[in-house]
Amino acid sequence: MSRLDEKVALVTGGGRGLGRAIALAFAEAGADVAVASRTREQLDEVAEAIRSKGRRALAVEVDVSEPESVAKMVAATREQFGRIDILVNSAGVSWVERVFSMSDGTWDWIMKTNLYGTFYCCRDVSKLMRAQKSGSIINLASVAGVKGPPGLGAYAATKGGVMALTRVLAMEMIRYNVRANAIAPGYFRTDMNAAALDDPEIGPKIVKRIPMQRAGQPEEIGPLAVFLASDDAAYITGEIYYISGGEMAQ
């Protein structure tokens, strides 16, 4: 595995699911990690797990849909560690509802969290990275951003937007030695997907669509995130990495 010694990472959505797995993988690879989400209890547990690996940790409550909250998160991380070398935007929400019946409120909630939240974090952290003349940004997208899953119109729209934003950010920041890439997972066994995967009717249909015939485990995303955050990926920017058990090969 690549190493992240002496690097500082900020992971949103770091209290659970893929964000938690990535934060712990970063700590295992030698990074100090700030984890941020809305749930303090989850953050404290992850921060303690990071410290148990011999790394420094910071738990920050944040609502990524609010720019003022994001600004405070970035300021707290910088105050604690002095810099931010890696940003992972993993905070996100989902909701299953057909487009023709979706309310403005539901659409706005998903957009504000998944797309606006990623934008706010990228904007504020990229300013620091530009001044540092170094950094790696990893945005969590989804295979839904390029497919057409019924009932996930708002979610898919945000993840397609995250992919586009990542490519633009990569081109804008390349002169400052800052890289931006996206990881687009398929189905992983997280809190967000557990209900669907465990449903006796829906779960088998989901698994049947995956060539590997199983959902991913959160810890399986860690090595890819560590690689993209590390200097081993110095020539990689503006790319979308699918990790879907073969789903995107069909």
Protein backbone atom coordinates (compact mmCIF):
# COMPACT_ATOMS: atom_id res chain seq x y z
CA MET A 1 0.00 0.00 0.00
CA SER A 2 1.12 3.56 -0.72
CA ARG A 3 2.20 5.69 2.23
CA LEU A 4 0.79 8.99 3.48
CA ASP A 5 3.37 9.79 6.16
CA GLU A 6 3.38 13.41 7.35
CA LYS A 7 0.21 14.20 5.36
CA VAL A 8 -3.01 15.65 6.79
CA ALA A 9 -6.36 14.44 5.48
CA LEU A 10 -9.86 15.85 5.89
CA VAL A 11 -12.67 13.35 5.29
CA THR A 12 -16.30 14.47 5.23
CA GLY A 13 -18.89 11.83 5.93
CA GLY A 14 -16.13 10.27 7.99
CA GLY A 15 -18.34 8.97 10.79
CA ARG A 16 -19.64 5.91 8.97
CA GLY A 17 -19.70 3.93 5.75
CA LEU A 18 -17.18 4.59 3.02
CA GLY A 19 -15.95 7.81 4.63
CA ARG A 20 -15.11 5.97 7.84
CA ALA A 21 -13.32 3.21 5.93
CA ILE A 22 -11.27 5.75 3.98
CA ALA A 23 -10.36 7.71 7.12
CA LEU A 24 -9.10 4.56 8.84
CA ALA A 25 -7.18 3.48 5.73
CA PHE A 26 -5.49 6.90 5.65
CA ALA A 27 -4.47 6.55 9.30
CA GLU A 28 -3.14 3.06 8.64
CA ALA A 29 -1.05 4.53 5.81
CA GLY A 30 0.46 7.16 8.13
CA ALA A 31 -1.75 10.24 7.77
CA ASP A 32 -3.21 12.44 10.48
CA VAL A 33 -6.95 12.67 9.87
CA ALA A 34 -9.78 15.10 10.55
CA VAL A 35 -13.15 13.40 10.26
CA ALA A 36 -16.29 15.45 9.81
CA SER A 37 -20.02 14.73 9.78
CA ARG A 38 -23.22 15.70 11.59
CA THR A 39 -23.11 12.93 14.22
CA ARG A 40 -20.72 13.57 17.10
CA GLU A 41 -20.87 10.11 18.64
CA GLN A 42 -19.81 8.44 15.39
CA LEU A 43 -17.01 10.95 14.86
CA ASP A 44 -15.61 10.41 18.34
CA GLU A 45 -15.49 6.64 17.75
CA VAL A 46 -13.63 7.03 14.46
CA ALA A 47 -11.24 9.61 15.92
CA GLU A 48 -10.39 7.21 18.75
CA ALA A 49 -9.76 4.43 16.24
CA ILE A 50 -7.40 6.72 14.34
CA ARG A 51 -5.49 7.57 17.51
CA SER A 52 -5.19 3.87 18.31
CA LYS A 53 -3.15 3.58 15.11
CA GLY A 54 -0.69 6.15 16.44
CA ARG A 55 -1.97 9.07 14.36
CA ARG A 56 -3.43 12.43 15.35
CA ALA A 57 -7.17 12.86 14.90
CA LEU A 58 -9.75 15.64 14.96
CA ALA A 59 -13.53 15.22 15.06
CA VAL A 60 -15.49 18.13 13.58
CA GLU A 61 -19.25 18.44 13.38
CA VAL A 62 -20.31 19.84 10.02
CA ASP A 63 -23.34 20.27 7.80
CA VAL A 64 -21.78 20.33 4.32
CA SER A 65 -24.95 21.83 2.86
CA GLU A 66 -24.22 25.06 4.75
CA PRO A 67 -21.21 27.09 3.50
CA GLU A 68 -20.66 28.69 6.91
CA SER A 69 -20.40 25.26 8.53
CA VAL A 70 -17.92 24.11 5.89
CA ALA A 71 -15.79 27.22 6.44
CA LYS A 72 -15.65 26.50 10.19
CA MET A 73 -14.66 22.88 9.52
CA VAL A 74 -11.81 23.90 7.24
CA ALA A 75 -10.62 26.55 9.70
CA ALA A 76 -10.68 24.08 12.61
CA THR A 77 -8.68 21.52 10.62
CA ARG A 78 -6.11 24.08 9.58
CA GLU A 79 -5.81 25.39 13.14
CA GLN A 80 -5.25 21.90 14.50
CA PHE A 81 -2.83 20.57 11.87
CA GLY A 82 -1.50 23.65 10.06
CA ARG A 83 -2.36 22.39 6.58
CA ILE A 84 -4.64 20.09 4.56
CA ASP A 85 -2.93 17.78 2.07
CA ILE A 86 -5.87 15.54 1.23
CA LEU A 87 -9.61 16.21 0.98
CA VAL A 88 -12.16 13.42 0.62
CA ASN A 89 -15.77 14.44 -0.01
CA SER A 90 -17.76 11.42 1.14
CA ALA A 91 -20.73 13.09 2.86
CA GLY A 92 -23.92 12.30 1.02
CA VAL A 93 -27.60 11.37 1.21
CA SER A 94 -29.96 9.39 -0.97
CA TRP A 95 -33.69 9.01 -1.41
CA VAL A 96 -35.69 6.65 -3.60
CA GLU A 97 -38.57 8.39 -5.38
CA ARG A 98 -39.63 8.80 -8.98
CA VAL A 99 -38.93 12.16 -10.58
CA PHE A 100 -42.61 12.81 -11.38
CA SER A 101 -43.59 12.64 -7.71
CA MET A 102 -40.55 14.25 -6.08
CA SER A 103 -41.07 17.48 -4.16
CA ASP A 104 -38.92 20.59 -4.46
CA GLY A 105 -37.84 20.09 -0.87
CA THR A 106 -36.53 16.57 -1.41
CA TRP A 107 -34.73 17.57 -4.60
CA ASP A 108 -33.14 20.57 -2.91
CA TRP A 109 -32.07 18.52 0.15
CA ILE A 110 -30.20 15.98 -2.01
CA MET A 111 -28.69 18.66 -4.24
CA LYS A 112 -27.54 20.81 -1.33
CA THR A 113 -25.88 17.91 0.46
CA ASN A 114 -24.32 15.92 -2.37
CA LEU A 115 -23.46 18.53 -5.01
CA TYR A 116 -23.41 21.88 -3.25
CA GLY A 117 -21.65 20.31 -0.26
CA THR A 118 -18.92 18.89 -2.49
CA PHE A 119 -18.56 22.28 -4.16
CA TYR A 120 -18.30 24.17 -0.85
CA CYS A 121 -15.62 21.81 0.45
CA CYS A 122 -13.65 21.81 -2.81
CA ARG A 123 -13.80 25.59 -3.02
CA ASP A 124 -12.58 26.27 0.51
CA VAL A 125 -9.91 23.57 0.69
CA SER A 126 -8.58 24.23 -2.81
CA LYS A 127 -7.74 27.78 -1.71
CA LEU A 128 -5.41 26.34 0.93
CA MET A 129 -3.95 23.79 -1.45
CA ARG A 130 -3.33 26.45 -4.08
CA ALA A 131 -1.30 28.43 -1.56
CA GLN A 132 0.57 25.27 -0.52
CA LYS A 133 1.21 24.37 -4.19
CA SER A 134 0.21 20.79 -3.44
CA GLY A 135 -2.77 18.62 -2.59
CA SER A 136 -5.07 15.78 -3.60
CA ILE A 137 -8.87 16.00 -3.73
CA ILE A 138 -10.97 12.85 -3.96
CA ASN A 139 -14.70 13.18 -4.54
CA LEU A 140 -17.07 10.27 -3.98
CA ALA A 141 -19.33 9.91 -7.00
CA SER A 142 -21.35 6.80 -7.93
CA VAL A 143 -22.06 4.48 -10.85
CA ALA A 144 -25.54 6.04 -10.65
CA GLY A 145 -23.98 9.20 -12.10
CA VAL A 146 -23.60 7.51 -15.49
CA LYS A 147 -26.45 5.01 -15.39
CA GLY A 148 -30.20 5.53 -15.12
CA PRO A 149 -31.40 3.80 -11.96
CA PRO A 150 -35.18 4.33 -11.59
CA GLY A 151 -36.07 6.17 -8.41
CA LEU A 152 -32.65 7.76 -8.00
CA GLY A 153 -33.08 10.78 -10.28
CA ALA A 154 -31.91 13.38 -7.78
CA TYR A 155 -29.07 11.23 -6.44
CA ALA A 156 -27.88 10.33 -9.93
CA ALA A 157 -28.01 13.97 -11.01
CA THR A 158 -25.81 15.00 -8.10
CA LYS A 159 -23.26 12.27 -8.72
CA GLY A 160 -23.07 13.08 -12.42
CA GLY A 161 -22.49 16.67 -11.36
CA VAL A 162 -19.74 15.60 -8.96
CA MET A 163 -17.94 13.84 -11.81
CA ALA A 164 -18.12 16.93 -14.01
CA LEU A 165 -17.03 19.20 -11.16
CA THR A 166 -14.06 16.92 -10.46
CA ARG A 167 -12.82 17.13 -14.05
CA VAL A 168 -13.14 20.92 -14.15
CA LEU A 169 -11.42 21.30 -10.78
CA ALA A 170 -8.57 19.09 -11.97
CA MET A 171 -7.94 21.36 -14.95
CA GLU A 172 -8.23 24.55 -12.91
CA MET A 173 -5.85 23.36 -10.20
CA ILE A 174 -3.25 21.57 -12.29
CA ARG A 175 -0.96 24.62 -12.42
CA TYR A 176 -0.87 24.63 -8.62
CA ASN A 177 0.22 20.99 -8.33
CA VAL A 178 -3.19 20.03 -6.93
CA ARG A 179 -4.86 16.89 -8.25
CA ALA A 180 -8.59 16.06 -8.27
CA ASN A 181 -10.07 12.63 -8.97
CA ALA A 182 -13.32 10.83 -8.24
CA ILE A 183 -14.15 7.36 -7.02
CA ALA A 184 -17.50 6.06 -8.27
CA PRO A 185 -18.63 3.06 -6.20
CA GLY A 186 -21.31 0.58 -7.07
CA TYR A 187 -23.22 -1.14 -4.29
CA PHE A 188 -21.31 -1.35 -1.01
CA ARG A 189 -22.65 -2.67 2.27
CA THR A 190 -23.08 0.64 4.09
CA ASP A 191 -25.84 2.10 6.22
CA MET A 192 -27.18 3.85 3.12
CA ASN A 193 -27.59 0.58 1.18
CA ALA A 194 -28.24 -1.93 3.95
CA ALA A 195 -32.04 -1.78 3.78
CA ALA A 196 -32.10 -2.43 0.04
CA LEU A 197 -29.46 -5.18 0.16
CA ASP A 198 -31.25 -6.94 3.03
CA ASP A 199 -34.69 -6.71 1.46
CA PRO A 200 -35.73 -10.26 0.44
CA GLU A 201 -37.09 -9.06 -2.92
CA ILE A 202 -34.80 -6.14 -3.82
CA GLY A 203 -31.51 -7.47 -2.45
CA PRO A 204 -31.17 -10.53 -4.73
CA LYS A 205 -32.01 -8.41 -7.79
CA ILE A 206 -29.24 -5.95 -6.91
CA VAL A 207 -26.67 -8.69 -6.39
CA LYS A 208 -27.70 -10.42 -9.62
CA ARG A 209 -26.72 -7.28 -11.58
CA ILE A 210 -23.19 -7.38 -10.13
CA PRO A 211 -20.86 -9.77 -12.00
CA MET A 212 -19.02 -10.61 -8.76
CA GLN A 213 -22.40 -11.55 -7.26
CA ARG A 214 -21.90 -9.58 -4.05
CA ALA A 215 -21.83 -6.05 -2.67
CA GLY A 216 -18.51 -4.46 -1.81
CA GLN A 217 -17.27 -4.18 1.76
CA PRO A 218 -16.36 -0.64 2.93
CA GLU A 219 -12.75 -1.54 3.67
CA GLU A 220 -12.29 -2.53 0.01
CA ILE A 221 -12.39 1.13 -1.05
CA GLY A 222 -9.55 2.15 1.28
CA PRO A 223 -6.54 1.04 -0.81
CA LEU A 224 -7.80 2.91 -3.89
CA ALA A 225 -8.35 6.10 -1.90
CA VAL A 226 -4.91 5.82 -0.30
CA PHE A 227 -3.29 5.36 -3.71
CA LEU A 228 -5.05 8.39 -5.23
CA ALA A 229 -4.12 10.51 -2.21
CA SER A 230 -0.47 9.47 -2.31
CA ASP A 231 2.50 10.66 -4.33
CA ASP A 232 2.36 7.33 -6.21
CA ALA A 233 -0.58 8.89 -8.13
CA ALA A 234 1.36 12.06 -9.02
CA TYR A 235 0.50 11.73 -12.74
CA ILE A 236 -3.22 11.08 -12.19
CA THR A 237 -5.78 13.88 -12.22
CA GLY A 238 -9.26 14.43 -13.63
CA GLU A 239 -10.00 10.70 -13.63
CA ILE A 240 -13.07 8.74 -12.53
CA TYR A 241 -12.35 5.37 -10.92
CA TYR A 242 -15.22 2.89 -10.87
CA ILE A 243 -15.22 0.25 -8.14
CA SER A 244 -18.32 -1.81 -8.74
CA GLY A 245 -17.58 -5.54 -8.78
CA GLY A 246 -17.67 -5.49 -12.58
CA GLU A 247 -21.02 -3.70 -12.92
CA MET A 248 -19.59 -0.95 -15.12
CA ALA A 249 -18.07 -3.50 -17.53
CA GLN A 250 -21.52 -4.55 -18.72
